[in-house]
C-alpha atoms as a PDB file:
ATOM      1  CA  MET A   1      -0.028  -0.039   0.040  1.00  0.00           C
ATOM      2  CA  ASN A   2       1.307   3.478  -0.797  1.00  0.00           C
ATOM      3  CA  HIS A   3       1.410   5.584   2.214  1.00  0.00           C
ATOM      4  CA  ARG A   4       2.207   8.561   0.261  1.00  0.00           C
ATOM      5  CA  CYS A   5      -1.527   8.553  -0.811  1.00  0.00           C
ATOM      6  CA  LEU A   6      -2.414   9.529   2.666  1.00  0.00           C
ATOM      7  CA  PRO A   7      -3.414  13.071   2.952  1.00  0.00           C
ATOM      8  CA  ALA A   8      -1.162  15.322   5.075  1.00  0.00           C
ATOM      9  CA  PHE A   9      -3.836  16.215   7.594  1.00  0.00           C
ATOM     10  CA  VAL A  10      -3.784  12.598   8.839  1.00  0.00           C
ATOM     11  CA  LEU A  11      -0.070  12.584   9.737  1.00  0.00           C
ATOM     12  CA  PRO A  12      -0.278  14.235  13.194  1.00  0.00           C
ATOM     13  CA  TYR A  13      -2.973  11.620  14.157  1.00  0.00           C
ATOM     14  CA  LEU A  14      -0.469   8.872  13.485  1.00  0.00           C
ATOM     15  CA  ASP A  15       1.835  10.289  16.211  1.00  0.00           C
ATOM     16  CA  THR A  16      -0.707  10.394  19.003  1.00  0.00           C
ATOM     17  CA  ALA A  17      -0.090   7.952  21.881  1.00  0.00           C
ATOM     18  CA  GLU A  18      -3.128   5.970  21.125  1.00  0.00           C
ATOM     19  CA  MET A  19      -2.083   5.317  17.628  1.00  0.00           C
ATOM     20  CA  ARG A  20       1.479   4.534  18.500  1.00  0.00           C
ATOM     21  CA  ARG A  21       0.425   1.850  20.849  1.00  0.00           C
ATOM     22  CA  LEU A  22      -1.011  -0.055  17.917  1.00  0.00           C
ATOM     23  CA  GLN A  23       2.559  -0.577  16.621  1.00  0.00           C
ATOM     24  CA  HIS A  24       2.884  -3.082  19.492  1.00  0.00           C
ATOM     25  CA  ILE A  25      -0.379  -4.886  18.828  1.00  0.00           C
ATOM     26  CA  ASN A  26      -0.051  -7.526  16.166  1.00  0.00           C
ATOM     27  CA  MET A  27      -2.745  -8.531  13.582  1.00  0.00           C
ATOM     28  CA  ASN A  28      -2.395 -12.198  14.182  1.00  0.00           C
ATOM     29  CA  CYS A  29      -4.040 -12.428  17.601  1.00  0.00           C
ATOM     30  CA  GLY A  30      -1.189 -13.900  19.536  1.00  0.00           C
ATOM     31  CA  MET A  31      -0.416 -16.499  16.800  1.00  0.00           C
ATOM     32  CA  ASN A  32       2.645 -14.413  16.029  1.00  0.00           C
ATOM     33  CA  TYR A  33       4.198 -15.556  19.323  1.00  0.00           C
ATOM     34  CA  THR A  34       3.782 -19.141  18.646  1.00  0.00           C
ATOM     35  CA  SER A  35       6.100 -21.540  16.644  1.00  0.00           C
ATOM     36  CA  TYR A  36       3.424 -22.573  14.089  1.00  0.00           C
ATOM     37  CA  PRO A  37       5.229 -22.531  10.700  1.00  0.00           C
ATOM     38  CA  LEU A  38       2.664 -20.276   8.952  1.00  0.00           C
ATOM     39  CA  PHE A  39       3.405 -17.453  11.124  1.00  0.00           C
ATOM     40  CA  SER A  40       6.659 -16.330   9.734  1.00  0.00           C
ATOM     41  CA  SER A  41       8.502 -13.130  10.151  1.00  0.00           C
ATOM     42  CA  ALA A  42       6.229 -11.416   7.604  1.00  0.00           C
ATOM     43  CA  ALA A  43       3.194 -12.263   9.700  1.00  0.00           C
ATOM     44  CA  ARG A  44       4.964 -11.171  12.827  1.00  0.00           C
ATOM     45  CA  ALA A  45       5.729  -7.725  11.369  1.00  0.00           C
ATOM     46  CA  TYR A  46       1.947  -7.034  10.614  1.00  0.00           C
ATOM     47  CA  SER A  47       0.647  -4.562  13.270  1.00  0.00           C
ATOM     48  CA  ARG A  48      -2.672  -3.013  13.918  1.00  0.00           C
ATOM     49  CA  TYR A  49      -1.017   0.274  13.292  1.00  0.00           C
ATOM     50  CA  ASN A  50      -0.017  -0.792   9.761  1.00  0.00           C
ATOM     51  CA  HIS A  51      -3.543  -2.062   9.209  1.00  0.00           C
ATOM     52  CA  SER A  52      -5.142   0.986  10.474  1.00  0.00           C
ATOM     53  CA  LEU A  53      -2.899   3.301   8.347  1.00  0.00           C
ATOM     54  CA  ASN A  54      -3.626   1.211   5.223  1.00  0.00           C
ATOM     55  CA  THR A  55      -7.323   1.036   5.782  1.00  0.00           C
ATOM     56  CA  ALA A  56      -7.316   4.911   6.005  1.00  0.00           C
ATOM     57  CA  VAL A  57      -5.442   5.103   2.733  1.00  0.00           C
ATOM     58  CA  ILE A  58      -8.005   2.969   1.004  1.00  0.00           C
ATOM     59  CA  VAL A  59     -10.895   4.970   2.490  1.00  0.00           C
ATOM     60  CA  TRP A  60      -9.449   8.250   1.493  1.00  0.00           C
ATOM     61  CA  HIS A  61      -8.877   6.918  -2.125  1.00  0.00           C
ATOM     62  CA  PHE A  62     -12.498   6.073  -2.591  1.00  0.00           C
ATOM     63  CA  THR A  63     -14.255   8.821  -0.559  1.00  0.00           C
ATOM     64  CA  GLN A  64     -11.880  11.800  -0.222  1.00  0.00           C
ATOM     65  CA  SER A  65     -13.782  12.271   3.155  1.00  0.00           C
ATOM     66  CA  ARG A  66     -11.685  13.475   6.177  1.00  0.00           C
ATOM     67  CA  GLU A  67     -14.306  12.280   8.569  1.00  0.00           C
ATOM     68  CA  GLN A  68     -14.551   8.721   6.956  1.00  0.00           C
ATOM     69  CA  THR A  69     -10.739   8.571   6.628  1.00  0.00           C
ATOM     70  CA  LEU A  70     -10.205   9.190  10.321  1.00  0.00           C
ATOM     71  CA  ALA A  71     -12.974   6.877  11.395  1.00  0.00           C
ATOM     72  CA  ALA A  72     -11.185   4.205   9.445  1.00  0.00           C
ATOM     73  CA  LEU A  73      -7.806   5.228  10.962  1.00  0.00           C
ATOM     74  CA  PHE A  74      -9.331   4.958  14.554  1.00  0.00           C
ATOM     75  CA  HIS A  75     -11.272   1.836  13.925  1.00  0.00           C
ATOM     76  CA  ASP A  76      -8.866  -0.452  15.779  1.00  0.00           C
ATOM     77  CA  ILE A  77      -7.751   2.169  18.334  1.00  0.00           C
ATOM     78  CA  ALA A  78      -9.281   0.094  21.127  1.00  0.00           C
ATOM     79  CA  THR A  79      -7.768  -3.244  20.262  1.00  0.00           C
ATOM     80  CA  PRO A  80      -6.241  -4.844  23.320  1.00  0.00           C
ATOM     81  CA  ALA A  81      -3.184  -7.064  23.497  1.00  0.00           C
ATOM     82  CA  PHE A  82      -3.539 -10.187  21.391  1.00  0.00           C
ATOM     83  CA  SER A  83      -6.556  -8.692  19.692  1.00  0.00           C
ATOM     84  CA  HIS A  84      -9.450 -11.033  19.259  1.00  0.00           C
ATOM     85  CA  VAL A  85      -8.039 -13.353  22.036  1.00  0.00           C
ATOM     86  CA  VAL A  86      -9.705 -10.942  24.507  1.00  0.00           C
ATOM     87  CA  ASP A  87     -13.031 -11.421  22.619  1.00  0.00           C
ATOM     88  CA  PHE A  88     -12.483 -15.163  23.341  1.00  0.00           C
ATOM     89  CA  MET A  89     -11.602 -14.383  26.872  1.00  0.00           C
ATOM     90  CA  GLN A  90     -14.976 -12.527  27.143  1.00  0.00           C
ATOM     91  CA  GLY A  91     -16.901 -15.451  25.431  1.00  0.00           C
ATOM     92  CA  ASP A  92     -17.373 -13.499  22.144  1.00  0.00           C
ATOM     93  CA  HIS A  93     -16.046 -16.175  19.905  1.00  0.00           C
ATOM     94  CA  ILE A  94     -18.452 -15.544  16.963  1.00  0.00           C
ATOM     95  CA  GLN A  95     -19.024 -11.893  16.554  1.00  0.00           C
ATOM     96  CA  GLN A  96     -15.594 -11.000  17.907  1.00  0.00           C
ATOM     97  CA  GLU A  97     -16.596  -7.360  18.570  1.00  0.00           C
ATOM     98  CA  ALA A  98     -16.699  -7.149  22.478  1.00  0.00           C
ATOM     99  CA  THR A  99     -13.408  -5.412  22.497  1.00  0.00           C
ATOM    100  CA  GLU A 100     -14.668  -2.487  20.240  1.00  0.00           C
ATOM    101  CA  SER A 101     -16.640  -1.177  23.222  1.00  0.00           C
ATOM    102  CA  ARG A 102     -13.838   1.196  24.275  1.00  0.00           C
ATOM    103  CA  THR A 103     -13.444   2.837  20.827  1.00  0.00           C
ATOM    104  CA  ALA A 104     -15.412   5.956  21.352  1.00  0.00           C
ATOM    105  CA  SER A 105     -14.080   6.636  25.019  1.00  0.00           C
ATOM    106  CA  MET A 106     -10.415   6.155  23.882  1.00  0.00           C
ATOM    107  CA  ILE A 107     -10.928   8.808  21.214  1.00  0.00           C
ATOM    108  CA  LEU A 108     -12.843  11.200  23.475  1.00  0.00           C
ATOM    109  CA  ASP A 109     -10.542  10.757  26.235  1.00  0.00           C
ATOM    110  CA  SER A 110      -7.433  11.541  24.204  1.00  0.00           C
ATOM    111  CA  ALA A 111      -6.443  15.119  24.581  1.00  0.00           C
ATOM    112  CA  GLU A 112      -4.106  14.862  21.645  1.00  0.00           C
ATOM    113  CA  ILE A 113      -6.744  13.585  19.297  1.00  0.00           C
ATOM    114  CA  MET A 114      -9.421  15.980  20.551  1.00  0.00           C
ATOM    115  CA  SER A 115      -7.160  18.888  20.020  1.00  0.00           C
ATOM    116  CA  LEU A 116      -6.264  17.775  16.415  1.00  0.00           C
ATOM    117  CA  LEU A 117      -9.973  17.334  15.609  1.00  0.00           C
ATOM    118  CA  GLU A 118     -10.802  20.870  16.957  1.00  0.00           C
ATOM    119  CA  LYS A 119      -7.909  22.295  14.906  1.00  0.00           C
ATOM    120  CA  ASP A 120      -9.195  20.581  11.766  1.00  0.00           C
ATOM    121  CA  GLY A 121     -12.741  21.566  12.414  1.00  0.00           C
ATOM    122  CA  ILE A 122     -13.908  18.029  12.565  1.00  0.00           C
ATOM    123  CA  ARG A 123     -16.776  16.926  14.857  1.00  0.00           C
ATOM    124  CA  PRO A 124     -15.639  14.057  17.221  1.00  0.00           C
ATOM    125  CA  GLU A 125     -18.884  12.158  16.730  1.00  0.00           C
ATOM    126  CA  ALA A 126     -18.096  11.916  12.945  1.00  0.00           C
ATOM    127  CA  VAL A 127     -15.123   9.763  13.566  1.00  0.00           C
ATOM    128  CA  LEU A 128     -16.144   7.521  16.463  1.00  0.00           C
ATOM    129  CA  ASP A 129     -17.964   4.666  14.647  1.00  0.00           C
ATOM    130  CA  TYR A 130     -16.461   3.408  11.285  1.00  0.00           C
ATOM    131  CA  HIS A 131     -19.424   1.062  10.918  1.00  0.00           C
ATOM    132  CA  ALA A 132     -21.489   4.008   9.919  1.00  0.00           C
ATOM    133  CA  TYR A 133     -19.502   4.315   6.656  1.00  0.00           C
ATOM    134  CA  PRO A 134     -20.072   1.356   4.183  1.00  0.00           C
ATOM    135  CA  VAL A 135     -16.763   1.928   2.419  1.00  0.00           C
ATOM    136  CA  ALA A 136     -14.868   1.488   5.681  1.00  0.00           C
ATOM    137  CA  ASP A 137     -16.965  -1.343   6.913  1.00  0.00           C
ATOM    138  CA  ASN A 138     -20.053  -3.355   5.887  1.00  0.00           C
ATOM    139  CA  ASP A 139     -21.687  -6.693   6.628  1.00  0.00           C
ATOM    140  CA  LEU A 140     -20.280 -10.022   5.222  1.00  0.00           C
ATOM    141  CA  PRO A 141     -19.892 -11.100   2.652  1.00  0.00           C
ATOM    142  CA  GLY A 142     -19.320  -7.587   1.229  1.00  0.00           C
ATOM    143  CA  LEU A 143     -15.911  -6.123   0.484  1.00  0.00           C
ATOM    144  CA  CYS A 144     -15.030  -2.996   2.544  1.00  0.00           C
ATOM    145  CA  ALA A 145     -11.637  -1.347   3.267  1.00  0.00           C
ATOM    146  CA  ASP A 146     -11.133  -3.076   6.685  1.00  0.00           C
ATOM    147  CA  ARG A 147     -11.771  -6.518   5.057  1.00  0.00           C
ATOM    148  CA  LEU A 148      -9.744  -5.652   1.887  1.00  0.00           C
ATOM    149  CA  GLU A 149      -6.776  -4.526   3.821  1.00  0.00           C
ATOM    150  CA  TYR A 150      -6.306  -7.354   6.188  1.00  0.00           C
ATOM    151  CA  THR A 151      -6.897  -9.835   3.440  1.00  0.00           C
ATOM    152  CA  LEU A 152      -4.219  -8.442   1.334  1.00  0.00           C
ATOM    153  CA  GLY A 153      -1.952  -7.995   4.301  1.00  0.00           C
ATOM    154  CA  ASN A 154      -2.388 -11.611   5.367  1.00  0.00           C
ATOM    155  CA  LEU A 155      -1.953 -12.878   1.970  1.00  0.00           C
ATOM    156  CA  ILE A 156       1.529 -11.358   1.987  1.00  0.00           C
ATOM    157  CA  GLY A 157       2.238 -12.368   5.600  1.00  0.00           C
ATOM    158  CA  TYR A 158       1.290 -15.880   5.183  1.00  0.00           C
ATOM    159  CA  GLY A 159       3.312 -16.149   1.925  1.00  0.00           C
ATOM    160  CA  PHE A 160       0.107 -17.076  -0.165  1.00  0.00           C
ATOM    161  CA  GLU A 161       0.733 -14.006  -2.576  1.00  0.00           C
ATOM    162  CA  THR A 162       3.157 -11.425  -3.755  1.00  0.00           C
ATOM    163  CA  GLU A 163       3.077  -7.553  -3.371  1.00  0.00           C
ATOM    164  CA  GLU A 164       2.821  -7.478  -7.220  1.00  0.00           C
ATOM    165  CA  TYR A 165      -0.478  -9.477  -6.872  1.00  0.00           C
ATOM    166  CA  CYS A 166      -1.904  -7.221  -4.163  1.00  0.00           C
ATOM    167  CA  ASN A 167      -1.083  -4.094  -6.247  1.00  0.00           C
ATOM    168  CA  ALA A 168      -2.807  -5.555  -9.235  1.00  0.00           C
ATOM    169  CA  VAL A 169      -5.976  -6.142  -7.114  1.00  0.00           C
ATOM    170  CA  MET A 170      -5.797  -2.567  -5.831  1.00  0.00           C
ATOM    171  CA  GLU A 171      -5.578  -1.173  -9.334  1.00  0.00           C
ATOM    172  CA  ASP A 172      -8.659  -3.177 -10.400  1.00  0.00           C
ATOM    173  CA  LEU A 173     -10.936  -1.895  -7.627  1.00  0.00           C
ATOM    174  CA  VAL A 174     -13.777   0.378  -8.314  1.00  0.00           C
ATOM    175  CA  LEU A 175     -16.805   1.792  -6.150  1.00  0.00           C
ATOM    176  CA  CYS A 176     -19.978  -0.028  -6.989  1.00  0.00           C
ATOM    177  CA  GLU A 177     -23.599   0.224  -5.683  1.00  0.00           C
ATOM    178  CA  ASN A 178     -24.604  -2.959  -3.734  1.00  0.00           C
ATOM    179  CA  GLU A 179     -28.074  -4.500  -3.324  1.00  0.00           C
ATOM    180  CA  LYS A 180     -28.981  -1.956  -0.467  1.00  0.00           C
ATOM    181  CA  GLY A 181     -28.071   0.952  -2.520  1.00  0.00           C
ATOM    182  CA  LEU A 182     -25.019   1.626  -0.662  1.00  0.00           C
ATOM    183  CA  PRO A 183     -21.467   2.205  -1.933  1.00  0.00           C
ATOM    184  CA  GLU A 184     -19.220  -0.835  -1.902  1.00  0.00           C
ATOM    185  CA  ILE A 185     -15.754  -1.618  -3.169  1.00  0.00           C
ATOM    186  CA  GLY A 186     -16.007  -3.994  -6.092  1.00  0.00           C
ATOM    187  CA  PHE A 187     -13.850  -5.310  -8.929  1.00  0.00           C
ATOM    188  CA  ARG A 188     -13.784  -4.412 -12.653  1.00  0.00           C
ATOM    189  CA  SER A 189     -12.389  -7.727 -13.668  1.00  0.00           C
ATOM    190  CA  PHE A 190     -14.074 -11.065 -13.109  1.00  0.00           C
ATOM    191  CA  GLY A 191     -10.740 -13.031 -13.041  1.00  0.00           C
ATOM    192  CA  LEU A 192      -9.142 -11.021 -10.383  1.00  0.00           C
ATOM    193  CA  ALA A 193     -12.398 -10.994  -8.362  1.00  0.00           C
ATOM    194  CA  GLU A 194     -12.638 -14.702  -8.583  1.00  0.00           C
ATOM    195  CA  GLY A 195      -8.909 -15.159  -7.492  1.00  0.00           C
ATOM    196  CA  PHE A 196      -9.407 -12.757  -4.660  1.00  0.00           C
ATOM    197  CA  ALA A 197     -12.620 -14.427  -3.344  1.00  0.00           C
ATOM    198  CA  LEU A 198     -10.789 -17.891  -3.316  1.00  0.00           C
ATOM    199  CA  HIS A 199      -7.855 -16.299  -1.498  1.00  0.00           C
ATOM    200  CA  ALA A 200     -10.228 -14.759   1.130  1.00  0.00           C
ATOM    201  CA  VAL A 201     -11.663 -18.283   1.842  1.00  0.00           C
ATOM    202  CA  ARG A 202      -8.208 -19.575   2.161  1.00  0.00           C
ATOM    203  CA  CYS A 203      -7.349 -16.887   4.703  1.00  0.00           C
ATOM    204  CA  GLY A 204     -10.733 -17.487   6.457  1.00  0.00           C
ATOM    205  CA  ARG A 205      -9.769 -21.120   6.933  1.00  0.00           C
ATOM    206  CA  VAL A 206      -6.473 -19.864   8.720  1.00  0.00           C
ATOM    207  CA  TYR A 207      -8.384 -17.422  10.961  1.00  0.00           C
ATOM    208  CA  SER A 208     -10.796 -20.154  12.261  1.00  0.00           C
ATOM    209  CA  GLY A 209      -8.625 -23.260  11.728  1.00  0.00           C
ATOM    210  CA  ASP A 210      -7.452 -25.807  14.328  1.00  0.00           C
ATOM    211  CA  ASP A 211      -4.281 -23.954  15.021  1.00  0.00           C
ATOM    212  CA  ASN A 212      -5.848 -20.583  15.547  1.00  0.00           C
ATOM    213  CA  ARG A 213      -8.715 -21.873  17.585  1.00  0.00           C
ATOM    214  CA  PHE A 214      -6.683 -23.927  19.887  1.00  0.00           C
ATOM    215  CA  ALA A 215      -3.961 -21.227  20.360  1.00  0.00           C
ATOM    216  CA  MET A 216      -6.339 -18.405  20.856  1.00  0.00           C
ATOM    217  CA  GLU A 217      -8.476 -20.369  23.435  1.00  0.00           C
ATOM    218  CA  THR A 218      -5.381 -21.559  25.180  1.00  0.00           C
ATOM    219  CA  LEU A 219      -4.200 -17.939  25.460  1.00  0.00           C
ATOM    220  CA  ALA A 220      -7.575 -16.670  26.521  1.00  0.00           C
ATOM    221  CA  VAL A 221      -7.647 -19.140  29.434  1.00  0.00           C
ATOM    222  CA  LEU A 222      -4.057 -18.041  30.264  1.00  0.00           C
ATOM    223  CA  LEU A 223      -5.101 -14.337  30.368  1.00  0.00           C
ATOM    224  CA  ARG A 224      -8.208 -15.135  32.316  1.00  0.00           C
ATOM    225  CA  ASP A 225      -6.426 -17.199  34.908  1.00  0.00           C
ATOM    226  CA  ALA A 226      -3.762 -14.419  35.176  1.00  0.00           C
ATOM    227  CA  SER A 227      -6.382 -11.917  35.750  1.00  0.00           C
ATOM    228  CA  GLU A 228      -8.027 -13.975  38.478  1.00  0.00           C
ATOM    229  CA  ALA A 229      -4.639 -14.371  40.170  1.00  0.00           C
ATOM    230  CA  GLY A 230      -4.118 -10.638  40.161  1.00  0.00           C
ATOM    231  CA  ILE A 231      -1.126 -10.704  37.897  1.00  0.00           C
ATOM    232  CA  LEU A 232      -3.087  -8.718  35.265  1.00  0.00           C
ATOM    233  CA  CYS A 233      -6.212  -6.438  35.434  1.00  0.00           C
ATOM    234  CA  MET A 234      -8.409  -5.776  32.453  1.00  0.00           C
ATOM    235  CA  ASP A 235      -6.871  -2.328  31.853  1.00  0.00           C
ATOM    236  CA  ASP A 236      -3.410  -3.888  31.492  1.00  0.00           C
ATOM    237  CA  LEU A 237      -4.707  -5.601  28.318  1.00  0.00           C
ATOM    238  CA  TRP A 238      -5.219  -2.179  26.807  1.00  0.00           C
ATOM    239  CA  LYS A 239      -1.532  -1.198  27.173  1.00  0.00           C
ATOM    240  CA  ASP A 240       0.487  -3.220  24.592  1.00  0.00           C
ATOM    241  CA  GLU A 241       1.734  -6.765  24.024  1.00  0.00           C
ATOM    242  CA  PRO A 242       5.254  -6.383  25.251  1.00  0.00           C
ATOM    243  CA  TYR A 243       3.816  -5.115  28.704  1.00  0.00           C
ATOM    244  CA  VAL A 244       1.372  -7.975  29.068  1.00  0.00           C
ATOM    245  CA  ILE A 245       3.925 -10.519  28.079  1.00  0.00           C
ATOM    246  CA  SER A 246       6.519  -9.061  30.703  1.00  0.00           C
ATOM    247  CA  ARG A 247       3.821  -9.444  33.286  1.00  0.00           C
ATOM    248  CA  LEU A 248       3.367 -13.175  32.427  1.00  0.00           C
ATOM    249  CA  GLU A 249       6.991 -13.899  32.033  1.00  0.00           C
ATOM    250  CA  ASN A 250       7.671 -12.413  35.527  1.00  0.00           C
ATOM    251  CA  SER A 251       4.965 -14.407  37.314  1.00  0.00           C
ATOM    252  CA  VAL A 252       3.903 -17.974  38.189  1.00  0.00           C
ATOM    253  CA  PHE A 253       2.561 -18.135  34.707  1.00  0.00           C
ATOM    254  CA  SER A 254       5.981 -17.900  33.024  1.00  0.00           C
ATOM    255  CA  MET A 255       6.097 -21.646  32.129  1.00  0.00           C
ATOM    256  CA  ARG A 256       2.600 -21.560  30.687  1.00  0.00           C
ATOM    257  CA  TRP A 257       3.411 -18.537  28.450  1.00  0.00           C
ATOM    258  CA  LYS A 258       6.628 -20.319  27.360  1.00  0.00           C
ATOM    259  CA  ALA A 259       4.655 -23.425  26.479  1.00  0.00           C
ATOM    260  CA  PHE A 260       2.276 -21.192  24.457  1.00  0.00           C
ATOM    261  CA  THR A 261       5.189 -19.761  22.471  1.00  0.00           C
ATOM    262  CA  GLU A 262       6.426 -23.382  21.680  1.00  0.00           C
ATOM    263  CA  LEU A 263       3.212 -24.451  20.216  1.00  0.00           C
ATOM    264  CA  HIS A 264       3.830 -25.857  16.662  1.00  0.00           C
ATOM    265  CA  ILE A 265       1.263 -28.531  16.030  1.00  0.00           C
ATOM    266  CA  THR A 266      -2.320 -29.002  16.748  1.00  0.00           C
ATOM    267  CA  TYR A 267      -4.257 -32.403  16.563  1.00  0.00           C
ATOM    268  CA  HIS A 268      -7.772 -33.793  17.341  1.00  0.00           C
ATOM    269  CA  CYS A 269      -8.118 -35.500  20.800  1.00  0.00           C
ATOM    270  CA  SER A 270     -10.631 -36.773  23.315  1.00  0.00           C
ATOM    271  CA  ALA A 271     -12.397 -34.370  25.656  1.00  0.00           C
ATOM    272  CA  TYR A 272     -10.923 -36.209  28.532  1.00  0.00           C
ATOM    273  CA  GLU A 273      -7.295 -35.344  27.620  1.00  0.00           C
ATOM    274  CA  PRO A 274      -5.565 -32.622  29.806  1.00  0.00           C
ATOM    275  CA  GLY A 275      -5.576 -29.266  28.075  1.00  0.00           C
ATOM    276  CA  ALA A 276      -8.193 -30.312  25.522  1.00  0.00           C
ATOM    277  CA  VAL A 277     -10.030 -27.299  23.974  1.00  0.00           C
ATOM    278  CA  ARG A 278     -13.205 -27.057  21.998  1.00  0.00           C
ATOM    279  CA  THR A 279     -14.336 -23.786  20.674  1.00  0.00           C
ATOM    280  CA  ASP A 280     -16.218 -22.016  17.866  1.00  0.00           C
ATOM    281  CA  ALA A 281     -14.895 -19.093  15.762  1.00  0.00           C
ATOM    282  CA  LYS A 282     -16.074 -16.398  13.393  1.00  0.00           C
ATOM    283  CA  LYS A 283     -15.941 -17.409   9.765  1.00  0.00           C
ATOM    284  CA  ARG A 284     -14.588 -14.586   7.589  1.00  0.00           C
ATOM    285  CA  TYR A 285     -15.043 -14.635   3.775  1.00  0.00           C
ATOM    286  CA  ILE A 286     -15.741 -12.231   0.990  1.00  0.00           C
ATOM    287  CA  ASP A 287     -18.104 -12.510  -2.099  1.00  0.00           C
ATOM    288  CA  PRO A 288     -17.278  -9.274  -3.890  1.00  0.00           C
ATOM    289  CA  LEU A 289     -19.141  -7.312  -6.412  1.00  0.00           C
ATOM    290  CA  VAL A 290     -18.064  -7.234 -10.071  1.00  0.00           C
ATOM    291  CA  ARG A 291     -19.038  -4.119 -11.719  1.00  0.00           C
ATOM    292  CA  GLY A 292     -22.084  -4.809 -14.016  1.00  0.00           C
ATOM    293  CA  SER A 293     -22.448  -8.431 -12.894  1.00  0.00           C
ATOM    294  CA  GLY A 294     -23.548  -8.482  -9.307  1.00  0.00           C
ATOM    295  CA  ARG A 295     -22.077 -10.770  -6.659  1.00  0.00           C
ATOM    296  CA  LEU A 296     -19.250 -12.897  -7.827  1.00  0.00           C
ATOM    297  CA  SER A 297     -20.781 -16.147  -6.569  1.00  0.00           C
ATOM    298  CA  GLN A 298     -23.716 -15.689  -8.949  1.00  0.00           C
ATOM    299  CA  GLY A 299     -21.293 -16.077 -11.856  1.00  0.00           C
ATOM    300  CA  SER A 300     -18.479 -18.334 -10.430  1.00  0.00           C
ATOM    301  CA  GLU A 301     -19.396 -21.927  -9.428  1.00  0.00           C
ATOM    302  CA  ASP A 302     -15.787 -22.300  -7.990  1.00  0.00           C
ATOM    303  CA  VAL A 303     -16.454 -19.331  -5.541  1.00  0.00           C
ATOM    304  CA  ARG A 304     -19.996 -20.428  -4.723  1.00  0.00           C
ATOM    305  CA  LYS A 305     -18.863 -23.958  -3.812  1.00  0.00           C
ATOM    306  CA  SER A 306     -15.781 -22.814  -1.877  1.00  0.00           C
ATOM    307  CA  ILE A 307     -17.924 -20.439   0.223  1.00  0.00           C
ATOM    308  CA  TYR A 308     -20.599 -23.128   0.780  1.00  0.00           C
ATOM    309  CA  ASN A 309     -18.114 -25.776   1.808  1.00  0.00           C
ATOM    310  CA  PHE A 310     -16.332 -23.314   4.174  1.00  0.00           C
ATOM    311  CA  LEU A 311     -19.723 -22.443   5.890  1.00  0.00           C
ATOM    312  CA  GLN A 312     -20.571 -26.094   6.352  1.00  0.00           C
ATOM    313  CA  GLU A 313     -17.489 -26.804   8.239  1.00  0.00           C
ATOM    314  CA  GLU A 314     -18.080 -27.605  11.951  1.00  0.00           C
ATOM    315  CA  TYR A 315     -15.877 -26.837  14.954  1.00  0.00           C
ATOM    316  CA  SER A 316     -17.104 -29.559  17.173  1.00  0.00           C
ATOM    317  CA  VAL A 317     -13.782 -31.519  17.575  1.00  0.00           C
ATOM    318  CA  TRP A 318     -11.660 -31.407  20.659  1.00  0.00           C
ATOM    319  CA  LEU A 319      -8.071 -30.129  20.033  1.00  0.00           C
ATOM    320  CA  ARG A 320      -4.710 -30.326  21.789  1.00  0.00           C
ATOM    321  CA  GLY A 321      -1.451 -28.789  20.734  1.00  0.00           C
ATOM    322  CA  GLU A 322       2.269 -29.046  21.569  1.00  0.00           C
END
């Protein structure tokens, strides 16, 4: 993503304490600290800061709206350490939105951000909720800036695709009107749309696969136990990952944290085995619009079958890892 496309008025917001914190929150929900082979150095370098910045670039490109761009920039400002692991910790395995509850307060309580908004003549309430802007966010299976950015970012991070491929996708995108009469990012080319949708399902299988479900639930239990033991409080989780890790490493939970970092394989097991985990997870996929043709799945049997098969997968097995 070309950061030079970001308008100059956004730059001071990037240097606020709230945004800088996101440089130390990884996109991979704690998986970047494990030893699973998929989570290579590229995946480990992908932060919520990078994601937020690139999402803002995309929204600015399509809308030229200061309010929508800043709402996109701030959309992950309340993401805690290990991201959606804290949703798991709070029992929100499916929607994975519980951690968004602090977004408005973190913006409104920031003297730096509020001062910048006043200087720019932007109403705070216009940037508090990116869900209000369909180019920034929309319901599955639509394509929005948030979903587009993390799909492309993870395609590179997991080694599934190259930067050249992602640039070709970006060049092909166009603003369309969806079934609800709302603006939605779509494709000009059927072929690129089809490849992207299949890649999105492939990434979706990573996000909710055995390795992720086991590791995220294991880490959620560790964080819950550390909180109950007084090693961590909930506010600690809204600092950053190095801080939380240091609290774990310098406590009676150090060996459990070390065991988490050494996880490299997951397998199915019996419910009665020690450490067995069974949990559900959100299924993420994209069925993009193609300009003049509607939803891709209406014209692509491969995409329709891929999405259908993914949605039929059940997460009823018990898992263990080592």
